[in-house]
């Protein structure tokens, strides 16, 4: 599981991350299930930010297309995120001009709705 994560970072994301950059790697979820999430603790917050900023590259990679990278959030933070996403969808649906889209941005616990101009 450590080598899988390092392969994702090095091949899929194009980042140079080594075993020394990892503090702890946990496999969470029930044993025996086909897919189990990994909880990875990195040595610095800067590394986490680099990984989170480049996760869009995974969608472009055929090998790692099914991999999802998310922030580790508490139940309260997940609930707040879901509420904000629902609110953003409502704002977008009720928008008169259709010129803007609404997205949820920010770190867990500090998320907010951002109004963005649509690309033409």
Foldseek 3Di string as FASTA:
>chain_A
DVVVVCCCCCPQQVDNDDPVQWDDKDFDDDPPDPDTDIDTDGPDPVVVVSCVVRVVSLCVDPVNNPDDDDDDADPVLVVVQVVQVVVQVVCCVPDDPNQWHWDWDDDRVDIDIDIGGDDD
